[in-house]
Amino acid sequence: MFKTIKEIYFLSNYGYIYELYNQIQGQSRNCNLFIKFKISDTFEGRLNFLILHLSLIMFFLNSQGKSGKNKSNKLINIFLFEIDASLREKGLGDKTIEKKVLEVENSLLSKFQIYKIALIKNNNYLKTVVEKHIYNNSKINSKYINMIVDYIRTQKEFLSKADLLLHKKQNIFIK
């Protein structure tokens, strides 16, 4: 009962941002992308891909002043709320959940900084970042790394033309 009330309150305060988050989540769960890019369909693989997409949106929001940074922080809150709820559904204890959520938060924030630099620098640095943070430095054909780098660049170009501060329904990713 408490969880339901908490969720209703949470969603009522984050309406538009929650819509953005749902698009981020939908794009990062697209099974066709996992197949196309040969991304490991595991919890860690999904989390890393979700963090990549969150980082793309946060990159643009944070560049749009105080309002954008506020929306970026709300996206982080939604992400952490969803992680917390998912862990609670698994029946983990409060201390374990607190520890895991903190780990995920630290991972998101550190990877966001890395992706931010990679989005500004050249493709070679982005390739290194993708290899490390999407493929965990596993042996993967460089063609898949190049494909995901092209995907990131295409999404970045598309997002550069979107107004993420608008409170209207819009596609924020190229499908």
Protein backbone atom coordinates (compact mmCIF):
# COMPACT_ATOMS: atom_id res chain seq x y z
CA MET A 1 0.00 0.00 0.00
CA PHE A 2 2.72 2.51 0.96
CA LYS A 3 4.64 1.75 -2.20
CA THR A 4 1.60 2.47 -4.36
CA ILE A 5 1.00 5.83 -2.67
CA LYS A 6 4.70 6.66 -2.98
CA GLU A 7 4.67 5.79 -6.69
CA ILE A 8 1.54 7.88 -7.35
CA TYR A 9 3.08 10.88 -5.57
CA PHE A 10 6.38 10.39 -7.38
CA LEU A 11 4.78 10.21 -10.81
CA SER A 12 2.55 13.22 -10.20
CA ASN A 13 5.59 15.43 -9.54
CA TYR A 14 7.69 14.15 -12.46
CA GLY A 15 5.09 13.74 -15.25
CA TYR A 16 6.95 15.04 -18.31
CA ILE A 17 10.34 13.88 -17.04
CA TYR A 18 8.90 10.44 -16.40
CA GLU A 19 7.76 10.37 -20.05
CA LEU A 20 11.36 11.14 -21.07
CA TYR A 21 12.61 8.39 -18.78
CA ASN A 22 10.16 5.90 -20.31
CA GLN A 23 11.55 6.69 -23.76
CA ILE A 24 15.12 6.27 -22.49
CA GLN A 25 14.18 2.97 -20.91
CA GLY A 26 12.33 1.80 -24.01
CA GLN A 27 15.26 2.59 -26.28
CA SER A 28 17.76 0.94 -23.96
CA ARG A 29 15.61 -2.22 -23.79
CA ASN A 30 15.21 -2.54 -27.54
CA CYS A 31 16.14 -6.18 -28.12
CA ASN A 32 16.94 -5.46 -31.78
CA LEU A 33 19.76 -3.17 -30.67
CA PHE A 34 21.15 -5.86 -28.36
CA ILE A 35 21.21 -8.28 -31.28
CA LYS A 36 22.53 -5.74 -33.81
CA PHE A 37 25.38 -4.57 -31.54
CA LYS A 38 26.05 -7.98 -29.93
CA ILE A 39 25.49 -6.55 -26.44
CA SER A 40 25.24 -9.09 -23.65
CA ASP A 41 21.58 -9.42 -22.64
CA THR A 42 22.30 -9.59 -18.91
CA PHE A 43 21.48 -7.32 -16.00
CA GLU A 44 24.88 -5.65 -16.35
CA GLY A 45 24.55 -5.32 -20.14
CA ARG A 46 21.09 -3.78 -19.82
CA LEU A 47 22.22 -1.46 -17.04
CA ASN A 48 25.23 -0.28 -19.06
CA PHE A 49 23.05 0.36 -22.12
CA LEU A 50 20.50 2.24 -20.00
CA ILE A 51 23.28 4.37 -18.50
CA LEU A 52 24.53 5.16 -22.02
CA HIS A 53 21.09 6.43 -23.05
CA LEU A 54 20.59 8.34 -19.80
CA SER A 55 24.00 9.92 -20.31
CA LEU A 56 23.07 11.06 -23.83
CA ILE A 57 19.98 12.84 -22.55
CA MET A 58 21.74 14.23 -19.48
CA PHE A 59 24.52 15.57 -21.74
CA PHE A 60 22.02 17.76 -23.58
CA LEU A 61 19.90 18.68 -20.56
CA ASN A 62 22.93 19.79 -18.56
CA SER A 63 23.97 22.09 -21.39
CA GLN A 64 20.64 23.96 -21.19
CA GLY A 65 21.12 25.92 -18.00
CA LYS A 66 19.55 25.57 -14.60
CA SER A 67 16.24 24.24 -15.89
CA GLY A 68 18.02 21.53 -17.88
CA LYS A 69 20.17 20.53 -14.92
CA ASN A 70 17.05 20.34 -12.76
CA LYS A 71 15.42 18.00 -15.29
CA SER A 72 18.62 15.94 -15.48
CA ASN A 73 18.57 15.53 -11.69
CA LYS A 74 14.94 14.46 -11.85
CA LEU A 75 15.88 11.82 -14.43
CA ILE A 76 18.52 10.51 -12.03
CA ASN A 77 15.92 10.41 -9.24
CA ILE A 78 13.55 8.39 -11.43
CA PHE A 79 16.32 6.02 -12.43
CA LEU A 80 17.32 5.42 -8.80
CA PHE A 81 13.67 5.09 -7.76
CA GLU A 82 13.19 2.40 -10.42
CA ILE A 83 16.34 0.56 -9.31
CA ASP A 84 15.15 0.70 -5.68
CA ALA A 85 11.69 -0.60 -6.63
CA SER A 86 13.20 -3.40 -8.71
CA LEU A 87 15.42 -4.53 -5.85
CA ARG A 88 12.49 -4.42 -3.42
CA GLU A 89 10.48 -6.63 -5.75
CA LYS A 90 13.29 -9.17 -5.51
CA GLY A 91 12.79 -9.17 -1.76
CA LEU A 92 16.15 -7.72 -0.76
CA GLY A 93 16.56 -6.08 2.64
CA ASP A 94 16.75 -2.33 3.18
CA LYS A 95 20.51 -2.27 3.90
CA THR A 96 21.28 -4.34 0.81
CA ILE A 97 19.04 -2.13 -1.32
CA GLU A 98 20.64 1.03 0.04
CA LYS A 99 24.12 -0.31 -0.76
CA LYS A 100 23.19 -1.47 -4.28
CA VAL A 101 21.37 1.77 -5.14
CA LEU A 102 24.43 3.75 -4.01
CA GLU A 103 26.67 1.55 -6.18
CA VAL A 104 24.41 2.09 -9.20
CA GLU A 105 24.25 5.83 -8.54
CA ASN A 106 28.04 6.06 -8.36
CA SER A 107 28.32 4.02 -11.55
CA LEU A 108 25.84 6.29 -13.35
CA LEU A 109 27.54 9.49 -12.26
CA SER A 110 31.06 8.30 -13.08
CA LYS A 111 30.04 6.85 -16.45
CA PHE A 112 28.11 10.01 -17.27
CA GLN A 113 31.30 12.03 -16.82
CA ILE A 114 33.17 9.59 -19.05
CA TYR A 115 30.47 9.66 -21.74
CA LYS A 116 30.33 13.45 -21.55
CA ILE A 117 34.03 13.67 -22.36
CA ALA A 118 33.67 11.00 -25.05
CA LEU A 119 30.81 12.88 -26.72
CA ILE A 120 33.00 15.97 -26.93
CA LYS A 121 36.22 14.22 -28.02
CA ASN A 122 36.92 12.23 -31.15
CA ASN A 123 35.61 8.83 -32.27
CA ASN A 124 38.73 6.98 -31.07
CA TYR A 125 38.09 7.95 -27.47
CA LEU A 126 34.40 7.09 -27.82
CA LYS A 127 35.40 3.67 -29.20
CA THR A 128 37.59 3.06 -26.15
CA VAL A 129 34.76 4.10 -23.82
CA VAL A 130 32.23 1.86 -25.60
CA GLU A 131 34.59 -1.09 -25.53
CA LYS A 132 35.14 -0.66 -21.80
CA HIS A 133 31.65 0.34 -20.60
CA ILE A 134 29.34 -1.49 -22.99
CA TYR A 135 31.42 -4.56 -23.80
CA ASN A 136 33.43 -4.71 -20.54
CA ASN A 137 36.67 -5.03 -22.53
CA SER A 138 35.61 -8.46 -23.78
CA LYS A 139 36.77 -9.77 -27.13
CA ILE A 140 34.33 -8.19 -29.55
CA ASN A 141 34.70 -7.62 -33.25
CA SER A 142 35.60 -3.98 -33.84
CA LYS A 143 32.80 -3.74 -36.42
CA TYR A 144 30.27 -3.83 -33.55
CA ILE A 145 32.14 -1.14 -31.65
CA ASN A 146 32.14 1.01 -34.80
CA MET A 147 28.43 0.35 -35.28
CA ILE A 148 27.54 1.46 -31.77
CA VAL A 149 29.79 4.53 -32.08
CA ASP A 150 27.91 5.44 -35.28
CA TYR A 151 24.63 4.85 -33.43
CA ILE A 152 25.74 7.17 -30.60
CA ARG A 153 26.85 9.86 -33.05
CA THR A 154 23.52 9.60 -34.92
CA GLN A 155 21.56 9.88 -31.67
CA LYS A 156 23.73 12.81 -30.58
CA GLU A 157 23.04 14.62 -33.86
CA PHE A 158 19.29 13.95 -33.53
CA LEU A 159 19.24 15.11 -29.90
CA SER A 160 21.14 18.29 -30.76
CA LYS A 161 18.05 19.39 -32.71
CA ALA A 162 15.49 18.37 -30.07
CA ASP A 163 14.22 20.72 -27.39
CA LEU A 164 14.25 18.52 -24.31
CA LEU A 165 12.94 21.35 -22.14
CA LEU A 166 9.60 21.41 -23.95
CA HIS A 167 6.79 19.82 -22.04
CA LYS A 168 5.28 18.12 -25.04
CA LYS A 169 5.37 14.56 -26.27
CA GLN A 170 8.21 14.08 -28.73
CA ASN A 171 10.50 11.31 -29.85
CA ILE A 172 13.92 11.78 -28.35
CA PHE A 173 15.63 8.87 -30.13
CA ILE A 174 15.81 7.67 -33.69
CA LYS A 175 14.24 4.23 -33.72
